[in-house]
Amino acid sequence: MKTDPLFDPSGQQVQAASGYAGDIAPPLAWQWLQSGDAVLVDVRTDAEREWVGFVPGAVAVAWKQWPGMALNAGFDEALKAAVPDGRKVVFLCRSGVRSVAAARRAAELGLDAYNILEGFEGDADGQAQRGRLGGWRLRGLPWMQK
């Protein structure tokens, strides 16, 4: 077992980040969820979760609201209510950008916050399509679509 703070006891790396605890790959986030060490907060819009898919058991707290993508004025309160004391919080968005902003805010609120790299859909490929270059779904982790 590694004792370096940039490694999880499972041996999976936690990448250093500025303003929050770190960046992690989707499989490590899933491991933390299964063990009860973390709460998954999906910061995508309601429309994204409804139309693209969602992770069962994730807490939905949008970082920005559709339409217009204005910051969610209730984000802080909803986040505090969702994460019990002593638990990590891992953030998921479409591609790992809004989740960084949410992780920074959570750290400002005193939470042990991590960004899930690649997001739910991953990066766009050469044809500007998502879902083929990384992401929660592509890695075969649990998700559902209505």
N, C-alpha and C. Protein backbone atom coordinates (compact mmCIF):
# COMPACT_ATOMS: atom_id res chain seq x y z
N MET A 1 0.85 -1.18 0.00
CA MET A 1 0.00 0.00 0.00
C MET A 1 0.90 1.24 0.00
N LYS A 2 0.60 2.18 -0.87
CA LYS A 2 1.36 3.41 -0.94
C LYS A 2 0.86 4.38 0.12
N THR A 3 1.78 5.18 0.65
CA THR A 3 1.39 6.17 1.64
C THR A 3 1.46 7.58 1.07
N ASP A 4 1.91 7.70 -0.17
CA ASP A 4 1.97 9.00 -0.84
C ASP A 4 0.55 9.55 -0.94
N PRO A 5 0.32 10.83 -0.55
CA PRO A 5 -1.03 11.39 -0.59
C PRO A 5 -1.61 11.49 -1.99
N LEU A 6 -0.77 11.36 -3.02
CA LEU A 6 -1.30 11.43 -4.39
C LEU A 6 -1.76 10.07 -4.89
N PHE A 7 -1.76 9.06 -4.02
CA PHE A 7 -2.25 7.75 -4.40
C PHE A 7 -3.34 7.30 -3.45
N ASP A 8 -4.34 6.72 -3.99
CA ASP A 8 -5.40 6.11 -3.20
C ASP A 8 -4.85 4.77 -2.69
N PRO A 9 -5.33 4.25 -1.56
CA PRO A 9 -4.85 2.95 -1.08
C PRO A 9 -5.00 1.83 -2.10
N SER A 10 -5.90 1.96 -3.06
CA SER A 10 -6.07 0.94 -4.09
C SER A 10 -4.94 0.97 -5.10
N GLY A 11 -4.09 2.02 -5.05
CA GLY A 11 -3.00 2.15 -6.00
C GLY A 11 -3.33 3.04 -7.19
N GLN A 12 -4.58 3.48 -7.28
CA GLN A 12 -4.96 4.37 -8.37
C GLN A 12 -4.56 5.79 -8.03
N GLN A 13 -4.05 6.47 -9.00
CA GLN A 13 -3.50 7.80 -8.76
C GLN A 13 -4.58 8.87 -8.63
N VAL A 14 -4.33 9.77 -7.67
CA VAL A 14 -5.09 11.00 -7.53
C VAL A 14 -4.17 12.10 -8.04
N GLN A 15 -4.59 12.79 -9.08
CA GLN A 15 -3.76 13.84 -9.66
C GLN A 15 -3.92 15.13 -8.89
N ALA A 16 -2.82 15.79 -8.65
CA ALA A 16 -2.85 17.07 -7.94
C ALA A 16 -3.66 18.09 -8.73
N ALA A 17 -4.34 18.97 -8.01
CA ALA A 17 -5.17 20.00 -8.64
C ALA A 17 -5.03 21.29 -7.84
N SER A 18 -5.38 22.37 -8.48
CA SER A 18 -5.30 23.68 -7.84
C SER A 18 -6.66 24.08 -7.28
N GLY A 19 -6.75 24.23 -5.96
CA GLY A 19 -7.97 24.72 -5.34
C GLY A 19 -8.93 23.66 -4.85
N TYR A 20 -8.60 22.38 -5.02
CA TYR A 20 -9.43 21.28 -4.52
C TYR A 20 -8.54 20.05 -4.35
N ALA A 21 -9.08 18.97 -3.80
CA ALA A 21 -8.26 17.82 -3.39
C ALA A 21 -7.58 17.09 -4.52
N GLY A 22 -8.18 17.03 -5.71
CA GLY A 22 -7.52 16.35 -6.82
C GLY A 22 -8.47 15.90 -7.91
N ASP A 23 -7.85 15.39 -8.97
CA ASP A 23 -8.57 14.84 -10.11
C ASP A 23 -8.42 13.33 -10.09
N ILE A 24 -9.51 12.62 -10.36
CA ILE A 24 -9.48 11.16 -10.34
C ILE A 24 -10.15 10.60 -11.59
N ALA A 25 -9.74 9.41 -11.95
CA ALA A 25 -10.34 8.71 -13.09
C ALA A 25 -11.70 8.15 -12.68
N PRO A 26 -12.60 7.96 -13.63
CA PRO A 26 -13.93 7.42 -13.31
C PRO A 26 -13.91 6.11 -12.52
N PRO A 27 -13.03 5.13 -12.83
CA PRO A 27 -13.05 3.90 -12.03
C PRO A 27 -12.74 4.11 -10.55
N LEU A 28 -11.86 5.05 -10.23
CA LEU A 28 -11.57 5.31 -8.82
C LEU A 28 -12.78 5.96 -8.15
N ALA A 29 -13.44 6.87 -8.85
CA ALA A 29 -14.66 7.47 -8.30
C ALA A 29 -15.69 6.38 -8.00
N TRP A 30 -15.87 5.45 -8.91
CA TRP A 30 -16.82 4.36 -8.72
C TRP A 30 -16.43 3.50 -7.51
N GLN A 31 -15.14 3.23 -7.37
CA GLN A 31 -14.67 2.46 -6.22
C GLN A 31 -15.01 3.18 -4.91
N TRP A 32 -14.75 4.49 -4.85
CA TRP A 32 -15.06 5.26 -3.65
C TRP A 32 -16.56 5.25 -3.36
N LEU A 33 -17.38 5.31 -4.41
CA LEU A 33 -18.84 5.27 -4.21
C LEU A 33 -19.26 3.93 -3.64
N GLN A 34 -18.75 2.86 -4.22
CA GLN A 34 -19.11 1.53 -3.76
C GLN A 34 -18.70 1.29 -2.31
N SER A 35 -17.59 1.84 -1.89
CA SER A 35 -17.11 1.63 -0.52
C SER A 35 -17.79 2.57 0.48
N GLY A 36 -18.56 3.54 -0.03
CA GLY A 36 -19.23 4.49 0.86
C GLY A 36 -18.34 5.64 1.29
N ASP A 37 -17.16 5.76 0.69
CA ASP A 37 -16.23 6.83 1.06
C ASP A 37 -16.59 8.17 0.45
N ALA A 38 -17.42 8.17 -0.59
CA ALA A 38 -17.71 9.42 -1.30
C ALA A 38 -19.16 9.49 -1.73
N VAL A 39 -19.57 10.71 -2.00
CA VAL A 39 -20.88 11.00 -2.57
C VAL A 39 -20.63 11.55 -3.97
N LEU A 40 -21.35 11.03 -4.95
CA LEU A 40 -21.23 11.53 -6.33
C LEU A 40 -22.26 12.62 -6.55
N VAL A 41 -21.78 13.81 -6.94
CA VAL A 41 -22.66 14.92 -7.26
C VAL A 41 -22.52 15.20 -8.75
N ASP A 42 -23.63 15.07 -9.47
CA ASP A 42 -23.68 15.34 -10.91
C ASP A 42 -24.08 16.79 -11.09
N VAL A 43 -23.18 17.60 -11.63
CA VAL A 43 -23.42 19.03 -11.74
C VAL A 43 -23.97 19.44 -13.12
N ARG A 44 -24.34 18.47 -13.94
CA ARG A 44 -24.93 18.80 -15.24
C ARG A 44 -26.35 19.32 -15.04
N THR A 45 -26.89 19.89 -16.09
CA THR A 45 -28.26 20.41 -16.04
C THR A 45 -29.26 19.26 -15.99
N ASP A 46 -30.47 19.57 -15.56
CA ASP A 46 -31.54 18.57 -15.56
C ASP A 46 -31.73 17.99 -16.95
N ALA A 47 -31.69 18.84 -17.98
CA ALA A 47 -31.87 18.39 -19.36
C ALA A 47 -30.80 17.39 -19.77
N GLU A 48 -29.56 17.65 -19.41
CA GLU A 48 -28.47 16.72 -19.76
C GLU A 48 -28.70 15.36 -19.12
N ARG A 49 -29.04 15.35 -17.86
CA ARG A 49 -29.27 14.07 -17.19
C ARG A 49 -30.47 13.34 -17.78
N GLU A 50 -31.50 14.08 -18.10
CA GLU A 50 -32.71 13.48 -18.65
C GLU A 50 -32.49 12.90 -20.04
N TRP A 51 -31.80 13.64 -20.89
CA TRP A 51 -31.67 13.24 -22.31
C TRP A 51 -30.44 12.39 -22.60
N VAL A 52 -29.35 12.59 -21.86
CA VAL A 52 -28.09 11.91 -22.18
C VAL A 52 -27.88 10.69 -21.28
N GLY A 53 -28.32 10.77 -20.04
CA GLY A 53 -28.15 9.67 -19.10
C GLY A 53 -27.64 10.16 -17.77
N PHE A 54 -27.69 9.28 -16.78
CA PHE A 54 -27.30 9.65 -15.42
C PHE A 54 -26.75 8.43 -14.70
N VAL A 55 -26.07 8.67 -13.60
CA VAL A 55 -25.53 7.61 -12.76
C VAL A 55 -26.53 7.35 -11.64
N PRO A 56 -27.03 6.12 -11.54
CA PRO A 56 -27.97 5.82 -10.46
C PRO A 56 -27.35 6.12 -9.09
N GLY A 57 -28.11 6.78 -8.24
CA GLY A 57 -27.65 7.11 -6.90
C GLY A 57 -26.89 8.41 -6.80
N ALA A 58 -26.56 9.02 -7.93
CA ALA A 58 -25.86 10.31 -7.89
C ALA A 58 -26.83 11.38 -7.40
N VAL A 59 -26.28 12.37 -6.73
CA VAL A 59 -27.07 13.52 -6.28
C VAL A 59 -26.99 14.57 -7.38
N ALA A 60 -28.14 15.04 -7.82
CA ALA A 60 -28.20 16.05 -8.88
C ALA A 60 -28.21 17.44 -8.28
N VAL A 61 -27.12 18.17 -8.50
CA VAL A 61 -27.02 19.57 -8.07
C VAL A 61 -26.35 20.33 -9.22
N ALA A 62 -27.15 20.91 -10.07
CA ALA A 62 -26.60 21.62 -11.24
C ALA A 62 -25.70 22.76 -10.81
N TRP A 63 -24.56 22.90 -11.50
CA TRP A 63 -23.67 24.03 -11.27
C TRP A 63 -24.24 25.27 -11.95
N LYS A 64 -24.75 25.07 -13.16
CA LYS A 64 -25.39 26.15 -13.92
C LYS A 64 -26.75 25.66 -14.37
N GLN A 65 -27.69 26.61 -14.52
CA GLN A 65 -29.07 26.27 -14.87
C GLN A 65 -29.37 26.58 -16.34
N TRP A 66 -30.07 25.67 -16.96
CA TRP A 66 -30.55 25.84 -18.33
C TRP A 66 -31.91 26.49 -18.27
N PRO A 67 -32.30 27.38 -19.15
CA PRO A 67 -31.49 27.96 -20.23
C PRO A 67 -30.66 29.13 -19.70
N GLY A 68 -29.73 29.56 -20.47
CA GLY A 68 -28.92 30.70 -20.12
C GLY A 68 -27.64 30.36 -19.39
N MET A 69 -27.59 29.19 -18.75
CA MET A 69 -26.42 28.71 -18.02
C MET A 69 -25.94 29.67 -16.93
N ALA A 70 -26.92 30.23 -16.21
CA ALA A 70 -26.61 31.08 -15.04
C ALA A 70 -26.21 30.17 -13.88
N LEU A 71 -25.30 30.64 -13.04
CA LEU A 71 -24.91 29.87 -11.87
C LEU A 71 -26.12 29.55 -11.01
N ASN A 72 -26.15 28.37 -10.45
CA ASN A 72 -27.22 27.90 -9.59
C ASN A 72 -27.09 28.58 -8.22
N ALA A 73 -27.99 29.48 -7.92
CA ALA A 73 -27.94 30.24 -6.66
C ALA A 73 -28.07 29.32 -5.44
N GLY A 74 -28.67 28.17 -5.58
CA GLY A 74 -28.85 27.25 -4.46
C GLY A 74 -27.79 26.17 -4.36
N PHE A 75 -26.73 26.31 -5.14
CA PHE A 75 -25.70 25.26 -5.18
C PHE A 75 -25.11 24.97 -3.80
N ASP A 76 -24.66 25.98 -3.10
CA ASP A 76 -23.99 25.78 -1.80
C ASP A 76 -24.87 25.02 -0.82
N GLU A 77 -26.10 25.44 -0.69
CA GLU A 77 -27.01 24.80 0.28
C GLU A 77 -27.31 23.36 -0.11
N ALA A 78 -27.56 23.14 -1.40
CA ALA A 78 -27.86 21.78 -1.85
C ALA A 78 -26.65 20.86 -1.66
N LEU A 79 -25.47 21.38 -1.93
CA LEU A 79 -24.26 20.58 -1.77
C LEU A 79 -24.03 20.22 -0.31
N LYS A 80 -24.15 21.19 0.57
CA LYS A 80 -23.96 20.93 2.00
C LYS A 80 -24.95 19.88 2.50
N ALA A 81 -26.17 19.92 2.00
CA ALA A 81 -27.18 18.95 2.41
C ALA A 81 -26.90 17.55 1.87
N ALA A 82 -26.19 17.48 0.75
CA ALA A 82 -25.96 16.19 0.08
C ALA A 82 -24.76 15.42 0.61
N VAL A 83 -23.81 16.11 1.23
CA VAL A 83 -22.55 15.47 1.61
C VAL A 83 -22.42 15.40 3.13
N PRO A 84 -22.54 14.20 3.71
CA PRO A 84 -22.39 14.05 5.15
C PRO A 84 -20.97 14.38 5.60
N ASP A 85 -20.82 14.81 6.83
CA ASP A 85 -19.49 15.10 7.40
C ASP A 85 -18.58 13.89 7.25
N GLY A 86 -17.34 14.16 6.89
CA GLY A 86 -16.35 13.11 6.79
C GLY A 86 -16.32 12.35 5.49
N ARG A 87 -17.24 12.63 4.58
CA ARG A 87 -17.26 11.94 3.29
C ARG A 87 -16.64 12.82 2.22
N LYS A 88 -15.98 12.19 1.27
CA LYS A 88 -15.47 12.89 0.10
C LYS A 88 -16.64 13.20 -0.82
N VAL A 89 -16.46 14.20 -1.67
CA VAL A 89 -17.45 14.46 -2.71
C VAL A 89 -16.72 14.43 -4.04
N VAL A 90 -17.27 13.69 -4.99
CA VAL A 90 -16.71 13.59 -6.33
C VAL A 90 -17.72 14.21 -7.29
N PHE A 91 -17.22 15.06 -8.17
CA PHE A 91 -18.08 15.81 -9.08
C PHE A 91 -17.98 15.29 -10.51
N LEU A 92 -19.14 15.20 -11.16
CA LEU A 92 -19.23 14.72 -12.54
C LEU A 92 -20.00 15.73 -13.37
N CYS A 93 -19.48 16.06 -14.54
CA CYS A 93 -20.21 16.88 -15.51
C CYS A 93 -20.08 16.20 -16.88
N ARG A 94 -20.31 16.92 -17.94
CA ARG A 94 -20.26 16.31 -19.28
C ARG A 94 -18.85 15.85 -19.63
N SER A 95 -17.88 16.76 -19.48
CA SER A 95 -16.54 16.45 -19.95
C SER A 95 -15.44 16.79 -18.94
N GLY A 96 -15.79 17.19 -17.74
CA GLY A 96 -14.80 17.47 -16.72
C GLY A 96 -14.39 18.93 -16.62
N VAL A 97 -15.26 19.86 -17.00
CA VAL A 97 -14.94 21.29 -16.90
C VAL A 97 -15.77 21.94 -15.79
N ARG A 98 -17.09 21.84 -15.86
CA ARG A 98 -17.93 22.42 -14.80
C ARG A 98 -17.64 21.75 -13.47
N SER A 99 -17.28 20.47 -13.51
CA SER A 99 -16.99 19.76 -12.27
C SER A 99 -15.75 20.31 -11.58
N VAL A 100 -14.81 20.87 -12.33
CA VAL A 100 -13.64 21.51 -11.71
C VAL A 100 -14.10 22.74 -10.93
N ALA A 101 -14.94 23.56 -11.55
CA ALA A 101 -15.45 24.76 -10.87
C ALA A 101 -16.23 24.37 -9.62
N ALA A 102 -17.03 23.32 -9.71
CA ALA A 102 -17.81 22.87 -8.55
C ALA A 102 -16.88 22.34 -7.45
N ALA A 103 -15.84 21.62 -7.82
CA ALA A 103 -14.89 21.10 -6.83
C ALA A 103 -14.18 22.25 -6.12
N ARG A 104 -13.82 23.28 -6.86
CA ARG A 104 -13.18 24.44 -6.23
C ARG A 104 -14.12 25.10 -5.22
N ARG A 105 -15.38 25.26 -5.61
CA ARG A 105 -16.34 25.87 -4.70
C ARG A 105 -16.55 24.99 -3.47
N ALA A 106 -16.64 23.69 -3.67
CA ALA A 106 -16.83 22.78 -2.54
C ALA A 106 -15.65 22.86 -1.57
N ALA A 107 -14.45 22.96 -2.11
CA ALA A 107 -13.27 23.08 -1.25
C ALA A 107 -13.34 24.38 -0.45
N GLU A 108 -13.81 25.45 -1.07
CA GLU A 108 -13.98 26.72 -0.34
C GLU A 108 -14.97 26.57 0.80
N LEU A 109 -15.92 25.66 0.64
CA LEU A 109 -16.92 25.40 1.67
C LEU A 109 -16.42 24.40 2.72
N GLY A 110 -15.18 23.93 2.56
CA GLY A 110 -14.59 23.04 3.54
C GLY A 110 -14.75 21.56 3.25
N LEU A 111 -15.18 21.20 2.06
CA LEU A 111 -15.37 19.79 1.72
C LEU A 111 -14.12 19.21 1.06
N ASP A 112 -13.96 17.90 1.19
CA ASP A 112 -12.87 17.15 0.56
C ASP A 112 -13.36 16.81 -0.85
N ALA A 113 -13.05 17.68 -1.82
CA ALA A 113 -13.67 17.64 -3.15
C ALA A 113 -12.73 17.18 -4.25
N TYR A 114 -13.26 16.34 -5.15
CA TYR A 114 -12.51 15.79 -6.26
C TYR A 114 -13.30 15.97 -7.56
N ASN A 115 -12.57 16.16 -8.65
CA ASN A 115 -13.14 16.21 -9.99
C ASN A 115 -12.95 14.86 -10.65
N ILE A 116 -13.99 14.36 -11.31
CA ILE A 116 -13.87 13.12 -12.08
C ILE A 116 -13.42 13.50 -13.49
N LEU A 117 -12.21 13.05 -13.84
CA LEU A 117 -11.67 13.32 -15.16
C LEU A 117 -12.56 12.70 -16.24
N GLU A 118 -12.58 13.31 -17.41
CA GLU A 118 -13.29 12.82 -18.59
C GLU A 118 -14.79 13.06 -18.55
N GLY A 119 -15.36 13.29 -17.37
CA GLY A 119 -16.79 13.53 -17.27
C GLY A 119 -17.63 12.33 -17.64
N PHE A 120 -18.90 12.60 -17.89
CA PHE A 120 -19.85 11.53 -18.22
C PHE A 120 -19.68 11.07 -19.66
N GLU A 121 -19.43 12.03 -20.58
CA GLU A 121 -19.38 11.71 -22.01
C GLU A 121 -17.99 11.72 -22.61
N GLY A 122 -16.99 12.24 -21.92
CA GLY A 122 -15.64 12.31 -22.47
C GLY A 122 -15.46 13.47 -23.43
N ASP A 123 -14.28 13.54 -24.00
CA ASP A 123 -13.96 14.62 -24.94
C ASP A 123 -14.56 14.37 -26.31
N ALA A 124 -14.70 15.43 -27.08
CA ALA A 124 -15.18 15.31 -28.47
C ALA A 124 -14.05 14.73 -29.32
N ASP A 125 -14.42 13.87 -30.27
CA ASP A 125 -13.43 13.29 -31.17
C ASP A 125 -13.26 14.18 -32.40
N GLY A 126 -12.58 13.71 -33.41
CA GLY A 126 -12.32 14.47 -34.63
C GLY A 126 -13.57 14.84 -35.41
N GLN A 127 -14.66 14.15 -35.15
CA GLN A 127 -15.94 14.46 -35.79
C GLN A 127 -16.86 15.26 -34.87
N ALA A 128 -16.28 15.80 -33.79
CA ALA A 128 -17.02 16.61 -32.82
C ALA A 128 -18.13 15.81 -32.13
N GLN A 129 -17.89 14.52 -31.94
CA GLN A 129 -18.85 13.66 -31.25
C GLN A 129 -18.26 13.18 -29.94
N ARG A 130 -19.08 13.17 -28.92
CA ARG A 130 -18.66 12.69 -27.61
C ARG A 130 -19.05 11.22 -27.43
N GLY A 131 -18.48 10.61 -26.41
CA GLY A 131 -18.83 9.22 -26.10
C GLY A 131 -17.86 8.21 -26.68
N ARG A 132 -16.80 8.68 -27.34
CA ARG A 132 -15.82 7.77 -27.94
C ARG A 132 -14.42 7.94 -27.39
N LEU A 133 -14.20 9.05 -26.65
CA LEU A 133 -12.87 9.33 -26.07
C LEU A 133 -13.00 9.52 -24.56
N GLY A 134 -13.06 8.42 -23.85
CA GLY A 134 -13.14 8.47 -22.40
C GLY A 134 -14.54 8.76 -21.89
N GLY A 135 -14.63 8.93 -20.60
CA GLY A 135 -15.90 9.24 -19.96
C GLY A 135 -16.47 8.06 -19.19
N TRP A 136 -17.34 8.41 -18.25
CA TRP A 136 -17.99 7.43 -17.38
C TRP A 136 -18.66 6.32 -18.19
N ARG A 137 -19.46 6.71 -19.18
CA ARG A 137 -20.21 5.72 -19.98
C ARG A 137 -19.28 4.79 -20.75
N LEU A 138 -18.30 5.38 -21.46
CA LEU A 138 -17.41 4.58 -22.29
C LEU A 138 -16.64 3.56 -21.46
N ARG A 139 -16.35 3.91 -20.22
CA ARG A 139 -15.59 3.00 -19.35
C ARG A 139 -16.47 1.88 -18.78
N GLY A 140 -17.75 1.86 -19.14
CA GLY A 140 -18.62 0.77 -18.73
C GLY A 140 -19.09 0.84 -17.30
N LEU A 141 -19.02 2.01 -16.69
CA LEU A 141 -19.51 2.17 -15.32
C LEU A 141 -21.02 2.33 -15.32
N PRO A 142 -21.69 2.06 -14.20
CA PRO A 142 -23.15 2.08 -14.18
C PRO A 142 -23.76 3.43 -14.58
N TRP A 143 -24.75 3.35 -15.47
CA TRP A 143 -25.51 4.53 -15.85
C TRP A 143 -26.83 4.07 -16.45
N MET A 144 -27.77 5.00 -16.52
CA MET A 144 -29.09 4.71 -17.07
C MET A 144 -29.51 5.86 -17.98
N GLN A 145 -30.48 5.56 -18.83
CA GLN A 145 -31.03 6.58 -19.70
C GLN A 145 -32.53 6.37 -19.77
N LYS A 146 -33.26 7.47 -19.70
CA LYS A 146 -34.73 7.36 -19.76
C LYS A 146 -35.21 7.37 -21.19
